[in-house]
């Protein structure tokens, strides 16, 4: 099924719960193009071409991760092929990593 929008109004959207967390990947893919025209709730609320609107209850519970946050143990420079972090992090295949800068110097070379 393809959709441009998901509107949870009178029911619920649940993916897993606290006693039975969802163990696999869950994806909600919204299809649409910028040129398709906006969805309109009323004359004053236009919400674009792809949307999730929740008026009732949306709940997504997955498997609890034990350790997923750390600091770099060595500097990571632009173009580096490796990063060094503490061992025993709870990463799994498919995870995407984000590295936040510790400098606000807009002219930094690395």
PDB file of N, CA and C in Angstrom:
ATOM      1  N   UNK A   1       0.835  -1.177   0.000  1.00  0.00           N
ATOM      2  CA  UNK A   1       0.000   0.000   0.000  1.00  0.00           C
ATOM      3  C   UNK A   1       0.881   1.241   0.000  1.00  0.00           C
ATOM      4  N   UNK A   2       0.524   2.212  -0.780  1.00  0.00           N
ATOM      5  CA  UNK A   2       1.253   3.475  -0.805  1.00  0.00           C
ATOM      6  C   UNK A   2       0.331   4.588  -0.355  1.00  0.00           C
ATOM      7  N   UNK A   3       0.904   5.528   0.365  1.00  0.00           N
ATOM      8  CA  UNK A   3       0.116   6.657   0.841  1.00  0.00           C
ATOM      9  C   UNK A   3       0.963   7.915   0.864  1.00  0.00           C
ATOM     10  N   UNK A   4       0.310   9.049   0.821  1.00  0.00           N
ATOM     11  CA  UNK A   4       1.020  10.321   0.981  1.00  0.00           C
ATOM     12  C   UNK A   4       0.875  10.834   2.398  1.00  0.00           C
ATOM     13  N   UNK A   5      -0.110  10.288   3.126  1.00  0.00           N
ATOM     14  CA  UNK A   5      -0.316  10.779   4.479  1.00  0.00           C
ATOM     15  C   UNK A   5      -0.924   9.748   5.390  1.00  0.00           C
ATOM     16  N   UNK A   6      -0.684   9.929   6.666  1.00  0.00           N
ATOM     17  CA  UNK A   6      -1.210   9.053   7.693  1.00  0.00           C
ATOM     18  C   UNK A   6      -1.867   9.938   8.739  1.00  0.00           C
ATOM     19  N   UNK A   7      -3.150   9.720   8.984  1.00  0.00           N
ATOM     20  CA  UNK A   7      -3.923  10.549   9.904  1.00  0.00           C
ATOM     21  C   UNK A   7      -4.483   9.642  10.988  1.00  0.00           C
ATOM     22  N   UNK A   8      -3.949   9.737  12.212  1.00  0.00           N
ATOM     23  CA  UNK A   8      -4.425   8.941  13.350  1.00  0.00           C
ATOM     24  C   UNK A   8      -5.396   9.821  14.111  1.00  0.00           C
ATOM     25  N   UNK A   9      -6.667   9.516  13.962  1.00  0.00           N
ATOM     26  CA  UNK A   9      -7.691  10.371  14.552  1.00  0.00           C
ATOM     27  C   UNK A   9      -8.469   9.657  15.645  1.00  0.00           C
ATOM     28  N   UNK A  10      -9.257   8.650  15.309  1.00  0.00           N
ATOM     29  CA  UNK A  10     -10.095   7.981  16.295  1.00  0.00           C
ATOM     30  C   UNK A  10      -9.472   6.713  16.828  1.00  0.00           C
ATOM     31  N   UNK A  11      -8.491   6.166  16.131  1.00  0.00           N
ATOM     32  CA  UNK A  11      -7.867   4.918  16.551  1.00  0.00           C
ATOM     33  C   UNK A  11      -6.465   5.144  17.076  1.00  0.00           C
ATOM     34  N   UNK A  12      -5.636   4.126  16.934  1.00  0.00           N
ATOM     35  CA  UNK A  12      -4.257   4.187  17.406  1.00  0.00           C
ATOM     36  C   UNK A  12      -3.329   3.602  16.355  1.00  0.00           C
ATOM     37  N   UNK A  13      -2.101   4.055  16.349  1.00  0.00           N
ATOM     38  CA  UNK A  13      -1.035   3.438  15.576  1.00  0.00           C
ATOM     39  C   UNK A  13      -0.034   2.918  16.585  1.00  0.00           C
ATOM     40  N   UNK A  14       0.143   1.600  16.624  1.00  0.00           N
ATOM     41  CA  UNK A  14       1.070   0.987  17.580  1.00  0.00           C
ATOM     42  C   UNK A  14       2.028   0.071  16.837  1.00  0.00           C
ATOM     43  N   UNK A  15       3.299   0.208  17.151  1.00  0.00           N
ATOM     44  CA  UNK A  15       4.320  -0.713  16.663  1.00  0.00           C
ATOM     45  C   UNK A  15       5.023  -1.214  17.906  1.00  0.00           C
ATOM     46  N   UNK A  16       4.735  -2.442  18.331  1.00  0.00           N
ATOM     47  CA  UNK A  16       5.276  -2.992  19.570  1.00  0.00           C
ATOM     48  C   UNK A  16       4.650  -2.362  20.796  1.00  0.00           C
ATOM     49  N   UNK A  17       4.958  -2.943  21.951  1.00  0.00           N
ATOM     50  CA  UNK A  17       4.532  -2.372  23.232  1.00  0.00           C
ATOM     51  C   UNK A  17       5.558  -2.757  24.290  1.00  0.00           C
ATOM     52  N   UNK A  18       5.375  -2.319  25.516  1.00  0.00           N
ATOM     53  CA  UNK A  18       6.399  -2.545  26.548  1.00  0.00           C
ATOM     54  C   UNK A  18       6.594  -4.023  26.864  1.00  0.00           C
ATOM     55  N   UNK A  19       5.567  -4.841  26.755  1.00  0.00           N
ATOM     56  CA  UNK A  19       5.735  -6.278  27.025  1.00  0.00           C
ATOM     57  C   UNK A  19       6.152  -7.061  25.782  1.00  0.00           C
ATOM     58  N   UNK A  20       5.880  -6.541  24.618  1.00  0.00           N
ATOM     59  CA  UNK A  20       6.261  -7.182  23.358  1.00  0.00           C
ATOM     60  C   UNK A  20       6.847  -6.136  22.401  1.00  0.00           C
ATOM     61  N   UNK A  21       8.104  -5.699  22.650  1.00  0.00           N
ATOM     62  CA  UNK A  21       8.702  -4.683  21.783  1.00  0.00           C
ATOM     63  C   UNK A  21       8.909  -5.222  20.367  1.00  0.00           C
ATOM     64  N   UNK A  22       8.800  -4.341  19.397  1.00  0.00           N
ATOM     65  CA  UNK A  22       9.040  -4.706  17.999  1.00  0.00           C
ATOM     66  C   UNK A  22      10.528  -4.979  17.833  1.00  0.00           C
ATOM     67  N   UNK A  23      10.894  -6.132  17.295  1.00  0.00           N
ATOM     68  CA  UNK A  23      12.301  -6.527  17.232  1.00  0.00           C
ATOM     69  C   UNK A  23      12.951  -6.262  15.874  1.00  0.00           C
ATOM     70  N   UNK A  24      12.161  -6.043  14.848  1.00  0.00           N
ATOM     71  CA  UNK A  24      12.709  -5.836  13.522  1.00  0.00           C
ATOM     72  C   UNK A  24      12.617  -4.368  13.124  1.00  0.00           C
ATOM     73  N   UNK A  25      12.973  -4.081  11.889  1.00  0.00           N
ATOM     74  CA  UNK A  25      12.891  -2.720  11.380  1.00  0.00           C
ATOM     75  C   UNK A  25      11.440  -2.388  11.047  1.00  0.00           C
ATOM     76  N   UNK A  26      11.012  -1.223  11.396  1.00  0.00           N
ATOM     77  CA  UNK A  26       9.683  -0.746  11.033  1.00  0.00           C
ATOM     78  C   UNK A  26       9.864   0.514  10.186  1.00  0.00           C
ATOM     79  N   UNK A  27       9.211   0.546   9.041  1.00  0.00           N
ATOM     80  CA  UNK A  27       9.322   1.702   8.154  1.00  0.00           C
ATOM     81  C   UNK A  27       7.939   2.207   7.814  1.00  0.00           C
ATOM     82  N   UNK A  28       7.789   3.491   7.857  1.00  0.00           N
ATOM     83  CA  UNK A  28       6.599   4.158   7.331  1.00  0.00           C
ATOM     84  C   UNK A  28       7.119   5.032   6.203  1.00  0.00           C
ATOM     85  N   UNK A  29       6.746   4.707   4.974  1.00  0.00           N
ATOM     86  CA  UNK A  29       7.235   5.434   3.809  1.00  0.00           C
ATOM     87  C   UNK A  29       6.078   6.229   3.221  1.00  0.00           C
ATOM     88  N   UNK A  30       6.258   7.513   3.141  1.00  0.00           N
ATOM     89  CA  UNK A  30       5.251   8.392   2.560  1.00  0.00           C
ATOM     90  C   UNK A  30       5.679   8.757   1.143  1.00  0.00           C
ATOM     91  N   UNK A  31       4.778   8.574   0.197  1.00  0.00           N
ATOM     92  CA  UNK A  31       5.066   8.856  -1.212  1.00  0.00           C
ATOM     93  C   UNK A  31       4.419  10.166  -1.615  1.00  0.00           C
ATOM     94  N   UNK A  32       5.054  10.885  -2.478  1.00  0.00           N
ATOM     95  CA  UNK A  32       4.500  12.137  -2.970  1.00  0.00           C
ATOM     96  C   UNK A  32       5.605  13.037  -3.480  1.00  0.00           C
ATOM     97  N   UNK A  33       5.212  14.017  -4.231  1.00  0.00           N
ATOM     98  CA  UNK A  33       6.163  14.971  -4.796  1.00  0.00           C
ATOM     99  C   UNK A  33       5.784  16.376  -4.380  1.00  0.00           C
ATOM    100  N   UNK A  34       6.772  17.222  -4.353  1.00  0.00           N
ATOM    101  CA  UNK A  34       6.556  18.616  -3.968  1.00  0.00           C
ATOM    102  C   UNK A  34       5.505  19.288  -4.855  1.00  0.00           C
ATOM    103  N   UNK A  35       5.423  18.836  -6.100  1.00  0.00           N
ATOM    104  CA  UNK A  35       4.503  19.460  -7.058  1.00  0.00           C
ATOM    105  C   UNK A  35       3.088  18.882  -7.003  1.00  0.00           C
ATOM    106  N   UNK A  36       2.821  17.913  -6.119  1.00  0.00           N
ATOM    107  CA  UNK A  36       1.517  17.253  -6.067  1.00  0.00           C
ATOM    108  C   UNK A  36       0.401  18.111  -5.480  1.00  0.00           C
ATOM    109  N   UNK A  37       0.715  19.189  -4.860  1.00  0.00           N
ATOM    110  CA  UNK A  37      -0.312  20.011  -4.221  1.00  0.00           C
ATOM    111  C   UNK A  37      -0.464  19.631  -2.766  1.00  0.00           C
ATOM    112  N   UNK A  38      -0.838  20.553  -1.953  1.00  0.00           N
ATOM    113  CA  UNK A  38      -0.906  20.348  -0.508  1.00  0.00           C
ATOM    114  C   UNK A  38      -2.213  19.709  -0.073  1.00  0.00           C
ATOM    115  N   UNK A  39      -2.141  18.935   1.000  1.00  0.00           N
ATOM    116  CA  UNK A  39      -3.335  18.444   1.660  1.00  0.00           C
ATOM    117  C   UNK A  39      -3.845  19.587   2.542  1.00  0.00           C
ATOM    118  N   UNK A  40      -5.137  19.787   2.587  1.00  0.00           N
ATOM    119  CA  UNK A  40      -5.699  20.925   3.313  1.00  0.00           C
ATOM    120  C   UNK A  40      -6.712  20.424   4.339  1.00  0.00           C
ATOM    121  N   UNK A  41      -6.506  20.776   5.618  1.00  0.00           N
ATOM    122  CA  UNK A  41      -7.485  20.449   6.663  1.00  0.00           C
ATOM    123  C   UNK A  41      -8.657  21.425   6.625  1.00  0.00           C
ATOM    124  N   UNK A  42      -8.326  22.678   6.523  1.00  0.00           N
ATOM    125  CA  UNK A  42      -9.336  23.720   6.315  1.00  0.00           C
ATOM    126  C   UNK A  42      -8.628  24.870   5.612  1.00  0.00           C
ATOM    127  N   UNK A  43      -9.292  25.952   5.406  1.00  0.00           N
ATOM    128  CA  UNK A  43      -8.694  27.045   4.632  1.00  0.00           C
ATOM    129  C   UNK A  43      -7.421  27.611   5.243  1.00  0.00           C
ATOM    130  N   UNK A  44      -7.213  27.401   6.523  1.00  0.00           N
ATOM    131  CA  UNK A  44      -6.041  28.003   7.162  1.00  0.00           C
ATOM    132  C   UNK A  44      -4.924  27.000   7.453  1.00  0.00           C
ATOM    133  N   UNK A  45      -5.167  25.704   7.223  1.00  0.00           N
ATOM    134  CA  UNK A  45      -4.134  24.709   7.555  1.00  0.00           C
ATOM    135  C   UNK A  45      -3.812  23.863   6.331  1.00  0.00           C
ATOM    136  N   UNK A  46      -2.692  24.172   5.706  1.00  0.00           N
ATOM    137  CA  UNK A  46      -2.171  23.375   4.593  1.00  0.00           C
ATOM    138  C   UNK A  46      -0.941  22.652   5.121  1.00  0.00           C
ATOM    139  N   UNK A  47      -0.848  21.347   4.877  1.00  0.00           N
ATOM    140  CA  UNK A  47       0.246  20.596   5.504  1.00  0.00           C
ATOM    141  C   UNK A  47       1.197  19.937   4.528  1.00  0.00           C
ATOM    142  N   UNK A  48       1.172  20.289   3.289  1.00  0.00           N
ATOM    143  CA  UNK A  48       2.147  19.759   2.356  1.00  0.00           C
ATOM    144  C   UNK A  48       1.714  18.471   1.698  1.00  0.00           C
ATOM    145  N   UNK A  49       2.681  17.764   1.109  1.00  0.00           N
ATOM    146  CA  UNK A  49       2.377  16.582   0.301  1.00  0.00           C
ATOM    147  C   UNK A  49       2.656  15.267   1.010  1.00  0.00           C
ATOM    148  N   UNK A  50       3.398  15.268   2.085  1.00  0.00           N
ATOM    149  CA  UNK A  50       3.662  14.057   2.867  1.00  0.00           C
ATOM    150  C   UNK A  50       3.494  14.416   4.332  1.00  0.00           C
ATOM    151  N   UNK A  51       2.719  13.608   5.070  1.00  0.00           N
ATOM    152  CA  UNK A  51       2.449  14.005   6.437  1.00  0.00           C
ATOM    153  C   UNK A  51       2.039  12.828   7.309  1.00  0.00           C
ATOM    154  N   UNK A  52       2.295  12.966   8.597  1.00  0.00           N
ATOM    155  CA  UNK A  52       1.736  12.110   9.639  1.00  0.00           C
ATOM    156  C   UNK A  52       1.073  13.066  10.624  1.00  0.00           C
ATOM    157  N   UNK A  53      -0.211  12.903  10.817  1.00  0.00           N
ATOM    158  CA  UNK A  53      -0.954  13.751  11.736  1.00  0.00           C
ATOM    159  C   UNK A  53      -1.490  12.869  12.842  1.00  0.00           C
ATOM    160  N   UNK A  54      -1.285  13.271  14.076  1.00  0.00           N
ATOM    161  CA  UNK A  54      -1.733  12.482  15.212  1.00  0.00           C
ATOM    162  C   UNK A  54      -2.629  13.328  16.107  1.00  0.00           C
ATOM    163  N   UNK A  55      -3.861  12.844  16.304  1.00  0.00           N
ATOM    164  CA  UNK A  55      -4.785  13.513  17.220  1.00  0.00           C
ATOM    165  C   UNK A  55      -5.085  12.598  18.404  1.00  0.00           C
ATOM    166  N   UNK A  56      -4.797  11.297  18.252  1.00  0.00           N
ATOM    167  CA  UNK A  56      -5.112  10.359  19.320  1.00  0.00           C
ATOM    168  C   UNK A  56      -3.841   9.749  19.910  1.00  0.00           C
ATOM    169  N   UNK A  57      -3.440   8.558  19.495  1.00  0.00           N
ATOM    170  CA  UNK A  57      -2.301   7.895  20.130  1.00  0.00           C
ATOM    171  C   UNK A  57      -1.423   7.206  19.096  1.00  0.00           C
ATOM    172  N   UNK A  58      -0.126   7.526  19.117  1.00  0.00           N
ATOM    173  CA  UNK A  58       0.879   6.835  18.319  1.00  0.00           C
ATOM    174  C   UNK A  58       1.927   6.327  19.287  1.00  0.00           C
ATOM    175  N   UNK A  59       2.229   5.035  19.206  1.00  0.00           N
ATOM    176  CA  UNK A  59       3.177   4.416  20.132  1.00  0.00           C
ATOM    177  C   UNK A  59       4.097   3.489  19.351  1.00  0.00           C
ATOM    178  N   UNK A  60       5.403   3.690  19.503  1.00  0.00           N
ATOM    179  CA  UNK A  60       6.393   2.832  18.845  1.00  0.00           C
ATOM    180  C   UNK A  60       7.411   2.401  19.885  1.00  0.00           C
ATOM    181  N   UNK A  61       7.442   1.104  20.168  1.00  0.00           N
ATOM    182  CA  UNK A  61       8.337   0.569  21.191  1.00  0.00           C
ATOM    183  C   UNK A  61       9.178  -0.527  20.565  1.00  0.00           C
ATOM    184  N   UNK A  62      10.477  -0.358  20.626  1.00  0.00           N
ATOM    185  CA  UNK A  62      11.396  -1.358  20.095  1.00  0.00           C
ATOM    186  C   UNK A  62      12.243  -1.944  21.204  1.00  0.00           C
ATOM    187  N   UNK A  63      13.168  -2.781  20.804  1.00  0.00           N
ATOM    188  CA  UNK A  63      14.068  -3.426  21.757  1.00  0.00           C
ATOM    189  C   UNK A  63      14.948  -2.381  22.435  1.00  0.00           C
ATOM    190  N   UNK A  64      15.084  -2.459  23.740  1.00  0.00           N
ATOM    191  CA  UNK A  64      15.906  -1.520  24.492  1.00  0.00           C
ATOM    192  C   UNK A  64      17.374  -1.736  24.167  1.00  0.00           C
ATOM    193  N   UNK A  65      18.075  -0.648  23.902  1.00  0.00           N
ATOM    194  CA  UNK A  65      19.511  -0.715  23.651  1.00  0.00           C
ATOM    195  C   UNK A  65      20.223  -0.416  24.963  1.00  0.00           C
ATOM    196  N   UNK A  66      21.295  -1.145  25.221  1.00  0.00           N
ATOM    197  CA  UNK A  66      22.002  -0.993  26.490  1.00  0.00           C
ATOM    198  C   UNK A  66      22.939   0.208  26.486  1.00  0.00           C
ATOM    199  N   UNK A  67      23.815   0.293  25.512  1.00  0.00           N
ATOM    200  CA  UNK A  67      24.803   1.377  25.476  1.00  0.00           C
ATOM    201  C   UNK A  67      24.976   1.812  24.030  1.00  0.00           C
ATOM    202  N   UNK A  68      24.554   3.026  23.744  1.00  0.00           N
ATOM    203  CA  UNK A  68      24.614   3.483  22.364  1.00  0.00           C
ATOM    204  C   UNK A  68      25.191   4.895  22.227  1.00  0.00           C
ATOM    205  N   UNK A  69      25.606   5.480  23.326  1.00  0.00           N
ATOM    206  CA  UNK A  69      26.165   6.819  23.299  1.00  0.00           C
ATOM    207  C   UNK A  69      27.587   6.778  23.831  1.00  0.00           C
ATOM    208  N   UNK A  70      28.482   7.515  23.232  1.00  0.00           N
ATOM    209  CA  UNK A  70      29.871   7.535  23.675  1.00  0.00           C
ATOM    210  C   UNK A  70      30.539   8.809  23.188  1.00  0.00           C
ATOM    211  N   UNK A  71      31.760   8.969  23.575  1.00  0.00           N
ATOM    212  CA  UNK A  71      32.593  10.051  23.046  1.00  0.00           C
ATOM    213  C   UNK A  71      33.696   9.422  22.205  1.00  0.00           C
ATOM    214  N   UNK A  72      34.199  10.186  21.259  1.00  0.00           N
ATOM    215  CA  UNK A  72      35.325   9.699  20.467  1.00  0.00           C
ATOM    216  C   UNK A  72      36.554   9.575  21.363  1.00  0.00           C
ATOM    217  N   UNK A  73      37.337   8.521  21.160  1.00  0.00           N
ATOM    218  CA  UNK A  73      38.577   8.349  21.931  1.00  0.00           C
ATOM    219  C   UNK A  73      39.769   8.980  21.230  1.00  0.00           C
ATOM    220  N   UNK A  74      39.633   9.246  19.937  1.00  0.00           N
ATOM    221  CA  UNK A  74      40.639   9.966  19.161  1.00  0.00           C
ATOM    222  C   UNK A  74      39.897  10.926  18.242  1.00  0.00           C
ATOM    223  N   UNK A  75      40.582  11.964  17.823  1.00  0.00           N
ATOM    224  CA  UNK A  75      39.965  12.926  16.915  1.00  0.00           C
ATOM    225  C   UNK A  75      39.587  12.243  15.602  1.00  0.00           C
ATOM    226  N   UNK A  76      38.468  12.630  15.026  1.00  0.00           N
ATOM    227  CA  UNK A  76      38.036  12.147  13.716  1.00  0.00           C
ATOM    228  C   UNK A  76      38.146  13.309  12.742  1.00  0.00           C
ATOM    229  N   UNK A  77      38.999  13.166  11.769  1.00  0.00           N
ATOM    230  CA  UNK A  77      39.246  14.240  10.812  1.00  0.00           C
ATOM    231  C   UNK A  77      38.514  13.969   9.506  1.00  0.00           C
ATOM    232  N   UNK A  78      38.226  15.013   8.785  1.00  0.00           N
ATOM    233  CA  UNK A  78      37.556  14.893   7.498  1.00  0.00           C
ATOM    234  C   UNK A  78      38.287  13.882   6.618  1.00  0.00           C
ATOM    235  N   UNK A  79      37.537  12.949   6.046  1.00  0.00           N
ATOM    236  CA  UNK A  79      38.133  11.925   5.182  1.00  0.00           C
ATOM    237  C   UNK A  79      38.610  10.690   5.913  1.00  0.00           C
ATOM    238  N   UNK A  80      38.553  10.684   7.246  1.00  0.00           N
ATOM    239  CA  UNK A  80      38.981   9.506   8.013  1.00  0.00           C
ATOM    240  C   UNK A  80      38.128   8.295   7.652  1.00  0.00           C
ATOM    241  N   UNK A  81      38.735   7.134   7.629  1.00  0.00           N
ATOM    242  CA  UNK A  81      38.026   5.886   7.337  1.00  0.00           C
ATOM    243  C   UNK A  81      37.656   5.134   8.616  1.00  0.00           C
ATOM    244  N   UNK A  82      38.192   5.581   9.766  1.00  0.00           N
ATOM    245  CA  UNK A  82      37.920   4.912  11.040  1.00  0.00           C
ATOM    246  C   UNK A  82      37.599   5.957  12.105  1.00  0.00           C
ATOM    247  N   UNK A  83      36.818   5.540  13.080  1.00  0.00           N
ATOM    248  CA  UNK A  83      36.649   6.326  14.297  1.00  0.00           C
ATOM    249  C   UNK A  83      36.939   5.402  15.465  1.00  0.00           C
ATOM    250  N   UNK A  84      37.378   5.966  16.569  1.00  0.00           N
ATOM    251  CA  UNK A  84      37.733   5.172  17.734  1.00  0.00           C
ATOM    252  C   UNK A  84      36.823   5.547  18.892  1.00  0.00           C
ATOM    253  N   UNK A  85      36.062   4.555  19.378  1.00  0.00           N
ATOM    254  CA  UNK A  85      35.123   4.743  20.479  1.00  0.00           C
ATOM    255  C   UNK A  85      35.336   3.627  21.486  1.00  0.00           C
ATOM    256  N   UNK A  86      34.688   3.740  22.639  1.00  0.00           N
ATOM    257  CA  UNK A  86      34.835   2.695  23.648  1.00  0.00           C
ATOM    258  C   UNK A  86      34.240   1.373  23.154  1.00  0.00           C
ATOM    259  N   UNK A  87      34.746   0.246  23.651  1.00  0.00           N
ATOM    260  CA  UNK A  87      34.201  -1.053  23.252  1.00  0.00           C
ATOM    261  C   UNK A  87      32.834  -1.310  23.886  1.00  0.00           C
ATOM    262  N   UNK A  88      32.183  -2.356  23.433  1.00  0.00           N
ATOM    263  CA  UNK A  88      30.915  -2.860  23.992  1.00  0.00           C
ATOM    264  C   UNK A  88      29.729  -1.933  23.783  1.00  0.00           C
ATOM    265  N   UNK A  89      29.740  -1.170  22.702  1.00  0.00           N
ATOM    266  CA  UNK A  89      28.564  -0.374  22.377  1.00  0.00           C
ATOM    267  C   UNK A  89      27.531  -1.285  21.732  1.00  0.00           C
ATOM    268  N   UNK A  90      26.270  -0.974  21.917  1.00  0.00           N
ATOM    269  CA  UNK A  90      25.180  -1.831  21.445  1.00  0.00           C
ATOM    270  C   UNK A  90      24.752  -1.428  20.035  1.00  0.00           C
ATOM    271  N   UNK A  91      25.705  -1.467  19.092  1.00  0.00           N
ATOM    272  CA  UNK A  91      25.395  -1.169  17.703  1.00  0.00           C
ATOM    273  C   UNK A  91      24.973  -2.457  17.004  1.00  0.00           C
ATOM    274  N   UNK A  92      24.089  -2.325  16.029  1.00  0.00           N
ATOM    275  CA  UNK A  92      23.706  -3.472  15.209  1.00  0.00           C
ATOM    276  C   UNK A  92      23.832  -3.063  13.744  1.00  0.00           C
ATOM    277  N   UNK A  93      23.955  -4.053  12.880  1.00  0.00           N
ATOM    278  CA  UNK A  93      24.081  -3.806  11.450  1.00  0.00           C
ATOM    279  C   UNK A  93      22.920  -2.931  10.976  1.00  0.00           C
ATOM    280  N   UNK A  94      23.259  -1.920  10.217  1.00  0.00           N
ATOM    281  CA  UNK A  94      22.239  -1.008   9.709  1.00  0.00           C
ATOM    282  C   UNK A  94      22.115   0.279  10.507  1.00  0.00           C
ATOM    283  N   UNK A  95      22.702   0.340  11.708  1.00  0.00           N
ATOM    284  CA  UNK A  95      22.670   1.577  12.488  1.00  0.00           C
ATOM    285  C   UNK A  95      23.372   2.683  11.699  1.00  0.00           C
ATOM    286  N   UNK A  96      22.894   3.894  11.871  1.00  0.00           N
ATOM    287  CA  UNK A  96      23.524   5.056  11.279  1.00  0.00           C
ATOM    288  C   UNK A  96      24.132   5.870  12.410  1.00  0.00           C
ATOM    289  N   UNK A  97      25.369   6.289  12.240  1.00  0.00           N
ATOM    290  CA  UNK A  97      26.078   7.023  13.284  1.00  0.00           C
ATOM    291  C   UNK A  97      26.073   8.513  12.985  1.00  0.00           C
ATOM    292  N   UNK A  98      25.949   9.283  14.025  1.00  0.00           N
ATOM    293  CA  UNK A  98      26.056  10.732  13.913  1.00  0.00           C
ATOM    294  C   UNK A  98      27.175  11.211  14.806  1.00  0.00           C
ATOM    295  N   UNK A  99      28.020  12.050  14.278  1.00  0.00           N
ATOM    296  CA  UNK A  99      29.131  12.596  15.055  1.00  0.00           C
ATOM    297  C   UNK A  99      28.941  14.099  15.130  1.00  0.00           C
ATOM    298  N   UNK A 100      28.769  14.595  16.333  1.00  0.00           N
ATOM    299  CA  UNK A 100      28.548  16.027  16.541  1.00  0.00           C
ATOM    300  C   UNK A 100      29.883  16.728  16.761  1.00  0.00           C
ATOM    301  N   UNK A 101      30.054  17.916  16.215  1.00  0.00           N
ATOM    302  CA  UNK A 101      31.316  18.641  16.388  1.00  0.00           C
ATOM    303  C   UNK A 101      31.453  19.177  17.810  1.00  0.00           C
ATOM    304  N   UNK A 102      32.712  19.344  18.218  1.00  0.00           N
ATOM    305  CA  UNK A 102      32.965  19.958  19.516  1.00  0.00           C
ATOM    306  C   UNK A 102      33.536  21.351  19.347  1.00  0.00           C
ATOM    307  N   UNK A 103      33.599  21.814  18.115  1.00  0.00           N
ATOM    308  CA  UNK A 103      34.107  23.147  17.827  1.00  0.00           C
ATOM    309  C   UNK A 103      33.068  23.902  17.012  1.00  0.00           C
ATOM    310  N   UNK A 104      32.966  25.167  17.253  1.00  0.00           N
ATOM    311  CA  UNK A 104      32.062  26.004  16.475  1.00  0.00           C
ATOM    312  C   UNK A 104      32.850  26.926  15.548  1.00  0.00           C
ATOM    313  N   UNK A 105      34.123  26.599  15.347  1.00  0.00           N
ATOM    314  CA  UNK A 105      34.989  27.415  14.507  1.00  0.00           C
ATOM    315  C   UNK A 105      34.634  27.160  13.045  1.00  0.00           C
ATOM    316  N   UNK A 106      33.969  28.113  12.396  1.00  0.00           N
ATOM    317  CA  UNK A 106      33.549  27.910  11.011  1.00  0.00           C
ATOM    318  C   UNK A 106      34.724  27.832  10.048  1.00  0.00           C
ATOM    319  N   UNK A 107      35.923  28.226  10.498  1.00  0.00           N
ATOM    320  CA  UNK A 107      37.093  28.195   9.618  1.00  0.00           C
ATOM    321  C   UNK A 107      38.022  27.023   9.944  1.00  0.00           C
ATOM    322  N   UNK A 108      37.573  26.092  10.788  1.00  0.00           N
ATOM    323  CA  UNK A 108      38.404  24.937  11.140  1.00  0.00           C
ATOM    324  C   UNK A 108      38.726  24.149   9.875  1.00  0.00           C
ATOM    325  N   UNK A 109      39.946  23.626   9.796  1.00  0.00           N
ATOM    326  CA  UNK A 109      40.393  22.912   8.597  1.00  0.00           C
ATOM    327  C   UNK A 109      39.944  21.467   8.609  1.00  0.00           C
ATOM    328  N   UNK A 110      39.683  20.861   9.739  1.00  0.00           N
ATOM    329  CA  UNK A 110      39.269  19.439   9.818  1.00  0.00           C
ATOM    330  C   UNK A 110      37.875  19.333  10.341  1.00  0.00           C
TER     331      UNK A 110
END
